[in-house]
Protein backbone atom coordinates (compact mmCIF):
# COMPACT_ATOMS: atom_id res chain seq x y z
CA MET A 1 84.11 19.14 119.52
CA ASP A 2 81.05 18.53 121.82
CA ASP A 3 80.11 22.18 121.56
CA ILE A 4 78.79 22.09 117.94
CA PHE A 5 76.42 19.21 118.73
CA LYS A 6 75.24 20.62 122.00
CA ILE A 7 74.41 23.89 120.30
CA MET A 8 72.62 22.34 117.35
CA PHE A 9 70.95 19.36 119.08
CA GLY A 10 71.50 19.57 122.87
CA VAL A 11 73.48 16.25 122.91
CA THR A 12 77.15 15.34 123.16
CA ARG A 13 79.20 14.21 120.16
CA ALA A 14 79.31 10.66 121.67
CA THR A 15 75.52 10.56 121.88
CA PHE A 16 75.09 11.91 118.38
CA ILE A 17 77.43 9.33 116.95
CA GLY A 18 76.24 6.44 119.05
CA GLU A 19 72.45 6.94 118.76
CA HIS A 20 71.87 8.81 115.52
CA PHE A 21 74.75 8.97 113.06
CA GLU A 22 73.78 7.01 109.88
CA SER A 23 70.77 5.45 111.72
CA ASN A 24 68.19 7.76 113.23
CA SER A 25 66.95 11.31 112.61
CA LEU A 26 67.27 13.97 115.27
CA PHE A 27 65.06 17.07 115.48
CA LYS A 28 65.25 20.13 117.85
CA LYS A 29 62.59 22.69 117.38
CA GLU A 30 63.75 25.43 119.74
CA ASN A 31 67.45 26.22 119.54
CA PRO A 32 68.45 29.63 120.88
CA GLY A 33 72.17 28.85 120.70
CA VAL A 34 72.02 28.40 116.85
CA GLY A 35 71.32 32.13 116.41
CA SER A 36 74.64 33.17 117.90
CA LEU A 37 76.45 30.36 116.16
CA LEU A 38 75.35 31.58 112.73
CA LYS A 39 74.59 35.25 113.48
CA MET A 40 71.26 34.55 111.85
CA GLU A 41 69.88 38.10 111.90
CA ARG A 42 71.99 38.81 108.77
CA PHE A 43 70.18 36.31 106.69
CA SER A 44 66.97 38.32 106.62
CA ASP A 45 68.71 40.55 104.06
CA PHE A 46 68.20 38.50 100.91
CA ASP A 47 69.89 41.16 98.75
CA ASN A 48 73.14 40.64 100.59
CA ILE A 49 72.99 36.95 99.72
CA LEU A 50 72.21 37.63 96.09
CA PHE A 51 75.08 40.14 95.67
CA ARG A 52 77.60 37.66 97.03
CA TYR A 53 76.92 35.39 94.02
CA ILE A 54 77.06 38.06 91.30
CA GLU A 55 80.47 36.73 90.11
CA HIS A 56 79.58 33.08 90.69
CA SER A 57 76.34 32.48 88.71
CA GLU A 58 77.50 28.86 88.09
CA LEU A 59 76.83 28.18 91.81
CA VAL A 60 73.21 29.26 91.68
CA ARG A 61 70.38 26.98 90.57
CA ILE A 62 66.62 27.30 90.09
CA ALA A 63 64.41 24.54 91.62
CA ASP A 64 60.75 23.76 91.28
CA LYS A 65 59.42 20.48 92.66
CA GLY A 66 62.32 18.40 91.50
CA ASN A 67 63.31 20.17 88.28
CA THR A 68 66.53 22.16 88.49
CA PHE A 69 68.16 24.36 85.91
CA PRO A 70 70.92 27.06 85.87
CA ALA A 71 70.34 30.57 87.10
CA PRO A 72 69.94 33.25 84.43
CA ARG A 73 73.14 35.09 83.48
CA LEU A 74 74.07 38.33 81.76
CA ARG A 75 76.16 38.37 78.62
CA ASN A 76 79.24 38.91 80.73
CA GLY A 77 78.50 35.68 82.64
CA LYS A 78 77.47 37.40 85.86
CA LEU A 79 74.27 36.60 87.71
CA ASN A 80 71.19 38.24 86.17
CA ILE A 81 69.54 39.30 89.48
CA SER A 82 66.42 40.73 87.87
CA ALA A 83 65.62 37.57 85.88
CA LEU A 84 66.46 35.43 88.92
CA LEU A 85 64.05 37.29 91.07
CA ASP A 86 61.35 37.00 88.40
CA LYS A 87 61.73 33.19 88.62
CA TYR A 88 61.47 33.45 92.41
CA TYR A 89 58.33 35.63 92.39
CA ASN A 90 56.78 33.13 89.98
CA GLY A 91 57.14 30.38 92.55
CA ASN A 92 60.56 28.90 91.96
CA SER A 93 63.11 28.26 94.66
CA ILE A 94 66.72 29.47 94.57
CA VAL A 95 69.62 27.28 95.57
CA PHE A 96 72.84 29.00 96.51
CA ASN A 97 75.53 26.26 96.44
CA SER A 98 78.77 26.44 98.42
CA ILE A 99 77.82 29.26 100.71
CA PHE A 100 80.90 28.45 102.81
CA ARG A 101 83.05 30.06 100.12
CA PHE A 102 81.48 33.41 100.90
CA ASP A 103 80.82 33.29 104.67
CA LYS A 104 83.41 32.80 107.44
CA GLU A 105 81.00 31.66 110.08
CA ILE A 106 79.52 28.94 107.81
CA LYS A 107 82.99 27.84 106.76
CA LYS A 108 84.00 27.39 110.42
CA ILE A 109 80.93 25.17 111.01
CA THR A 110 81.76 23.02 107.97
CA GLU A 111 85.22 22.53 109.30
CA MET A 112 84.05 21.61 112.77
CA LEU A 113 81.51 19.09 111.43
CA GLY A 114 84.00 17.66 109.02
CA ALA A 115 86.63 17.17 111.76
CA SER A 116 84.06 15.79 114.20
CA LEU A 117 82.48 13.25 111.84
CA ALA A 118 85.35 12.35 109.54
CA SER A 119 83.41 13.81 106.63
CA THR A 120 83.69 16.21 103.77
CA VAL A 121 81.00 18.88 104.18
CA GLN A 122 79.15 21.02 101.69
CA ALA A 123 76.84 23.88 102.68
CA ASN A 124 74.01 25.25 100.49
CA LEU A 125 71.30 27.86 101.03
CA TYR A 126 67.65 27.23 99.87
CA LEU A 127 65.40 30.21 99.40
CA THR A 128 61.73 29.18 98.80
CA PRO A 129 58.75 31.56 98.29
CA ALA A 130 55.66 31.25 100.44
CA ASN A 131 53.83 27.90 100.08
CA GLY A 132 56.64 26.67 97.75
CA GLN A 133 58.45 23.38 97.37
CA ALA A 134 61.93 23.11 95.85
CA PHE A 135 62.08 19.31 95.35
CA ALA A 136 59.60 16.45 95.09
CA THR A 137 59.78 13.69 97.67
CA HIS A 138 63.18 12.11 97.46
CA TYR A 139 66.00 10.64 99.45
CA ASP A 140 69.68 11.66 99.34
CA ALA A 141 72.87 9.61 99.15
CA HIS A 142 74.42 11.75 101.93
CA ASP A 143 73.43 12.71 105.47
CA VAL A 144 72.21 16.27 106.02
CA ILE A 145 72.00 18.77 108.85
CA VAL A 146 69.36 21.40 108.29
CA ILE A 147 68.95 24.73 110.09
CA GLN A 148 65.96 27.02 109.49
CA LEU A 149 67.24 30.65 109.05
CA VAL A 150 64.18 32.57 108.03
CA GLY A 151 60.43 31.88 107.99
CA ARG A 152 58.71 28.54 108.62
CA LYS A 153 58.75 25.18 106.79
CA SER A 154 57.08 21.90 107.16
CA TRP A 155 59.15 18.69 106.72
CA HIS A 156 57.52 15.38 105.88
CA ILE A 157 59.85 12.40 106.51
CA TYR A 158 59.19 8.80 105.61
CA ASN A 159 60.66 5.53 106.85
CA LYS A 160 63.56 4.19 104.86
CA PRO A 161 62.42 1.87 102.08
CA ASP A 162 62.91 -1.85 102.84
CA GLY A 163 66.21 -3.18 101.57
CA LEU A 164 67.78 0.26 101.08
CA LEU A 165 71.15 0.29 102.86
CA PHE A 166 73.58 3.15 102.52
CA PRO A 167 72.55 4.40 99.03
CA ILE A 168 75.22 5.92 96.78
CA SER A 169 72.91 7.74 94.43
CA ILE A 170 70.01 10.17 94.91
CA ASP A 171 66.48 9.09 94.06
CA ARG A 172 64.29 12.07 93.15
CA SER A 173 61.61 9.99 91.51
CA LEU A 174 59.94 7.94 94.20
CA THR A 175 56.71 6.45 93.15
CA PRO A 176 53.54 6.77 95.26
CA GLU A 177 53.62 2.95 95.67
CA ARG A 178 57.12 3.07 97.25
CA LEU A 179 56.16 5.96 99.50
CA GLU A 180 53.10 4.10 100.63
CA GLU A 181 55.27 1.11 101.49
CA SER A 182 57.69 3.37 103.44
CA LYS A 183 54.93 5.05 105.58
CA LEU A 184 55.08 8.63 106.74
CA SER A 185 57.17 8.81 109.87
CA HIS A 186 57.28 12.49 110.97
CA ASN A 187 55.57 15.77 110.18
CA LEU A 188 57.93 18.52 111.54
CA ASP A 189 57.17 22.20 111.70
CA PHE A 190 60.40 24.23 111.54
CA ASP A 191 60.68 27.69 113.13
CA VAL A 192 63.71 29.98 112.95
CA GLY A 193 66.53 28.11 114.67
CA SER A 194 65.02 24.60 114.34
CA THR A 195 67.56 21.85 113.47
CA LEU A 196 67.32 18.46 111.85
CA TYR A 197 69.81 15.67 111.31
CA LEU A 198 68.58 13.27 108.59
CA PRO A 199 70.66 10.23 107.53
CA ARG A 200 70.87 9.22 103.86
CA GLY A 201 68.13 7.03 102.47
CA PHE A 202 65.17 8.55 104.26
CA PRO A 203 62.55 9.97 101.80
CA HIS A 204 61.48 13.50 102.62
CA LYS A 205 59.99 16.69 101.26
CA ALA A 206 59.93 20.28 102.58
CA VAL A 207 57.16 22.85 101.97
CA SER A 208 57.36 26.50 103.05
CA GLN A 209 54.38 27.89 104.92
CA ASN A 210 52.68 31.27 104.36
CA GLN A 211 55.87 33.26 104.16
CA PRO A 212 59.27 32.97 102.38
CA SER A 213 61.64 30.40 103.86
CA LEU A 214 65.47 30.24 103.98
CA HIS A 215 67.35 27.28 105.37
CA ILE A 216 70.85 25.99 105.16
CA THR A 217 71.75 22.37 104.60
CA PHE A 218 75.13 20.92 105.57
CA SER A 219 75.64 17.83 103.50
CA LEU A 220 77.92 15.24 105.07
CA ALA A 221 79.90 12.71 103.04
CA PRO A 222 81.66 10.46 105.51
CA TYR A 223 84.53 8.16 104.49
CA THR A 224 83.40 4.55 103.91
CA SER A 225 85.06 1.16 104.43
CA GLY A 226 85.48 1.14 100.63
CA ASP A 227 87.48 4.40 100.75
CA VAL A 228 89.81 2.97 103.37
CA LEU A 229 90.30 -0.17 101.28
CA LYS A 230 91.08 1.91 98.20
CA GLN A 231 93.56 3.95 100.17
CA PHE A 232 95.13 0.74 101.51
CA VAL A 233 95.57 -0.74 97.99
CA ASP A 234 97.31 2.50 96.94
CA ILE A 235 99.81 2.06 99.80
CA ILE A 236 100.40 -1.69 99.00
CA GLN A 237 101.11 -0.85 95.41
CA ASN A 238 104.09 1.07 96.51
CA VAL A 239 105.64 -1.81 98.39
CA ASN A 240 104.44 -5.01 96.61
CA PRO A 241 105.04 -5.58 92.90
CA VAL A 242 102.02 -7.95 92.59
CA PHE A 243 99.73 -4.94 92.59
CA ARG A 244 101.87 -3.14 89.97
CA LYS A 245 101.96 -6.05 87.51
CA ASN A 246 100.14 -5.50 84.29
CA PHE A 247 96.83 -7.27 83.81
CA SER A 248 97.57 -9.90 81.11
CA PRO A 249 95.22 -9.65 78.06
CA SER A 250 95.25 -13.46 77.99
CA LEU A 251 93.27 -13.47 81.13
CA LEU A 252 90.27 -12.21 79.20
CA GLU A 253 90.16 -15.54 77.47
CA LEU A 254 90.06 -17.48 80.78
CA ASP A 255 86.83 -18.49 82.49
CA ASP A 256 88.63 -19.15 85.81
CA PHE A 257 90.24 -16.18 87.54
CA SER A 258 90.91 -18.14 90.74
CA ALA A 259 94.69 -17.93 90.34
CA VAL A 260 94.59 -14.17 90.06
CA PHE A 261 92.28 -13.87 93.06
CA SER A 262 94.50 -16.18 95.02
CA ASP A 263 97.59 -13.95 94.47
CA ILE A 264 95.67 -10.88 95.50
CA GLN A 265 94.23 -12.57 98.59
CA LYS A 266 97.75 -13.56 99.74
CA VAL A 267 99.07 -10.02 99.31
CA LEU A 268 96.10 -8.49 101.23
CA GLU A 269 96.44 -11.01 104.08
CA GLU A 270 100.14 -10.23 104.37
CA ALA A 271 99.44 -6.44 104.21
CA PHE A 272 96.71 -6.60 106.92
CA SER A 273 99.09 -8.33 109.28
CA ASN A 274 101.86 -5.77 108.65
CA GLU A 275 101.81 -3.14 111.41
CA ASP A 276 103.92 -0.67 109.45
CA LEU A 277 101.45 -0.75 106.57
CA LYS A 278 98.59 -0.32 108.88
CA ASN A 279 100.15 2.63 110.58
CA GLU A 280 100.90 4.15 107.21
CA LEU A 281 97.22 3.72 106.27
CA VAL A 282 96.14 5.57 109.44
CA PHE A 283 98.57 8.38 108.69
CA GLN A 284 97.41 8.70 105.02
CA MET A 285 93.70 8.67 105.97
CA LYS A 286 94.22 11.36 108.56
CA ARG A 287 96.16 13.48 106.05
CA LYS A 288 93.48 13.06 103.44
CA LEU A 289 90.77 13.96 105.92
CA VAL A 290 92.51 17.16 106.88
CA GLU A 291 93.08 18.09 103.21
CA ASP A 292 89.44 17.41 102.29
CA VAL A 293 87.90 19.17 105.39
CA SER A 294 90.13 22.19 104.98
CA PHE A 295 89.14 22.45 101.34
CA LEU A 296 89.52 26.29 101.22
CA PRO A 297 91.70 28.67 103.09
CA ALA A 298 89.98 31.60 104.66
CA SER A 299 91.67 33.95 102.13
CA PHE A 300 89.59 32.20 99.35
CA ILE A 301 86.31 33.53 100.65
CA ASP A 302 86.09 36.02 97.78
CA GLY A 303 82.57 37.15 98.42
CA ASP A 304 83.39 38.80 101.75
CA ILE A 305 83.86 42.48 101.14
CA ASN A 306 86.16 42.74 104.19
CA HIS A 307 88.96 41.01 102.21
CA TYR A 308 89.47 44.09 99.98
CA GLU A 309 90.68 47.63 100.37
CA PHE A 310 89.40 49.12 97.14
CA ILE A 311 87.04 48.81 94.20
CA LYS A 312 88.40 49.94 90.88
CA PHE A 313 86.77 51.12 87.66
CA VAL A 314 86.91 48.40 84.97
CA ASP A 315 88.87 49.59 81.94
CA ARG A 316 86.80 49.65 78.77
CA ALA A 317 83.59 49.20 80.79
CA HIS A 318 80.53 50.15 78.77
CA PHE A 319 77.96 52.13 80.70
CA ASP A 320 75.40 54.87 80.41
CA PHE A 321 74.43 57.44 83.00
CA LEU A 322 71.11 59.26 83.14
CA GLU A 323 69.91 62.04 85.44
CA LYS A 324 66.21 62.84 85.41
CA ASP A 325 63.97 64.48 87.96
CA SER A 326 66.69 64.32 90.62
CA LYS A 327 66.98 60.57 90.08
CA TYR A 328 70.21 58.89 88.94
CA ARG A 329 70.41 55.71 86.90
CA VAL A 330 73.51 53.76 85.81
CA SER A 331 73.16 51.17 83.04
CA ASN A 332 75.45 48.68 81.20
CA PHE A 333 72.96 48.66 78.30
CA GLN A 334 71.48 45.39 79.54
CA GLU A 335 70.54 46.21 83.17
CA GLU A 336 70.35 49.38 85.11
CA ILE A 337 70.32 50.44 88.76
CA LEU A 338 68.80 53.45 90.52
CA ILE A 339 71.20 55.26 92.75
CA SER A 340 70.98 58.06 95.33
CA GLU A 341 72.70 61.47 95.07
CA SER A 342 75.46 60.37 97.45
CA GLU A 343 75.99 57.18 95.41
CA TYR A 344 76.10 59.32 92.29
CA LEU A 345 78.90 61.55 93.74
CA ILE A 346 80.92 58.42 94.66
CA PHE A 347 80.31 56.90 91.18
CA GLN A 348 81.52 60.05 89.46
CA ALA A 349 84.67 60.01 91.70
CA LEU A 350 85.32 56.36 90.85
CA VAL A 351 85.11 57.04 87.15
CA GLU A 352 87.55 59.96 87.48
CA GLN A 353 89.99 58.41 89.99
CA ARG A 354 89.64 54.79 88.66
CA ARG A 355 89.98 53.52 92.26
CA PHE A 356 88.09 54.16 95.50
CA ALA A 357 88.59 53.01 99.07
CA ILE A 358 85.82 50.69 100.37
CA THR A 359 86.05 52.06 103.88
CA GLU A 360 85.28 55.61 102.53
CA ILE A 361 82.22 54.32 100.66
CA LEU A 362 80.92 52.52 103.76
CA THR A 363 81.61 55.62 105.91
CA VAL A 364 79.48 57.77 103.56
CA LEU A 365 76.71 55.37 102.70
CA GLY A 366 76.53 53.16 105.79
CA ASP A 367 74.91 49.72 105.35
CA SER A 368 73.65 50.56 101.85
CA GLY A 369 77.31 50.89 100.77
CA LYS A 370 77.79 47.15 100.30
CA LYS A 371 74.71 46.92 98.05
CA PHE A 372 75.95 49.86 96.01
CA ILE A 373 79.46 48.24 95.56
CA TYR A 374 77.95 44.89 94.55
CA SER A 375 75.55 46.56 92.11
CA LEU A 376 78.41 48.22 90.28
CA ILE A 377 80.24 44.87 90.20
CA SER A 378 77.15 43.17 88.81
CA LEU A 379 76.97 45.65 86.01
CA GLY A 380 80.62 44.97 85.15
CA ILE A 381 81.57 48.57 85.87
CA ALA A 382 83.67 47.94 88.98
CA GLU A 383 85.72 45.10 90.51
CA PHE A 384 87.36 44.37 93.80
CA ASP A 385 91.04 45.40 94.07
CA SER A 386 93.88 44.85 96.50
CA ARG A 387 93.38 42.53 99.37
CA HIS A 388 94.26 43.53 102.94
C-alpha cells in the first residue's frame, strides 16, 4: 500500500498518516509517476469524457463561483452536449461526478486509497475554462486528494478557522472577515501531474490560468469514532435486551433521565469489557469497510466501450438523414451530428442489420470510431448490446 503514496507524494503510507492525515496539507509539484498511474495523456481528449456521460446526465453539474445546477438534458433524458458546451464556453465549469464508474484506472485508485485509509472514496473531474473558477472560497467536510490532469491552476489555501474541528458540513459562504481571520497560508501553482492532499476544514479556492484546466479530486470520508460507536450499539442490541426495550412515553414527562442513562452506562461498560463483543465489532467494521470501498464491481463500469461486443439500432428510434454536397448529417429532430462517408456506410448497415460489431467499427474508423458510437447513442439511435 506504500506505492500509491510514494507515487502521489513521495512519502510512505506511515509518513502520510503520521504527519499529514487529518492535520496538515501536502503538496508535490513535480510528479512524473502520476502520469503512468492515471495514463494521463487520454484526458486531453475532452470529447471522450463527455461521451462517457451521455447516458448519465444526472452525474454532471454546472458550476460557476459557488452556484451549481444540473447539466442540460435532451427530452430523452440524455446529456445535451451542445448546450453543455455553450455553458462551458460562456465561462462555466463542468463537474463530472463519480468518474470511477466509467474508468478502470481511477476505480483502482479509489479502492487502493479506501483500503489504505479506511475510507469511502469518491472521484470527480472538474473541467474549468481559462481564467475560470468553479467555486468561491470554501472548506469541505471531507479530506481531498487533487491531481492536475490538463492545464495549470492556482490554488489559494487558508489556515483553518479558529475553533473549527472536524467539520461535518461544507461551508461555501465564508465571509471576508472570517477569511481575514484565517490568513492566507499557501499560494500553489499546479502543473500537469501536481498533487495536493488537503484535510477537511481548510478554506481554499482554485482558479485556472490562461488555458483550460482539468483536475481530478478524490474525496475521502474516513470512519469516525462515532461510526464505530454506532456499529457497536447495533451489535449490543442483538445480545442485550436493555437496548431493545421500547422507550416509554412516560419518560417524556420526566425532567430527570438519570435512571435511563445509568442503565445504558452499565450495559456499555459491560460490553466494552467483553472480548467477544469487541472482536465482533472489529469483524463487522472490517466487513463494512470492504463493502463500502468495493462499492462497484468492475463489470458495472458501463461507460467503458470495451465491456460490449455490439451496438444495436434502437427499435422505434426517430431520426432523419440528410446528404448534401457530399456531407452527411444524422438528426433525432432535436440534435444532429455530421458524419463522414465511412461513418455513413456503417450507419446504413446498422439500420439494415439492426446490430453491428464494435470491433468492426473501430477497425474501419480507428480512434474516431468511439466518438461515432457515442454520438449515435447520444441521439438515442443506438445502444450498447451484449457484454463480453
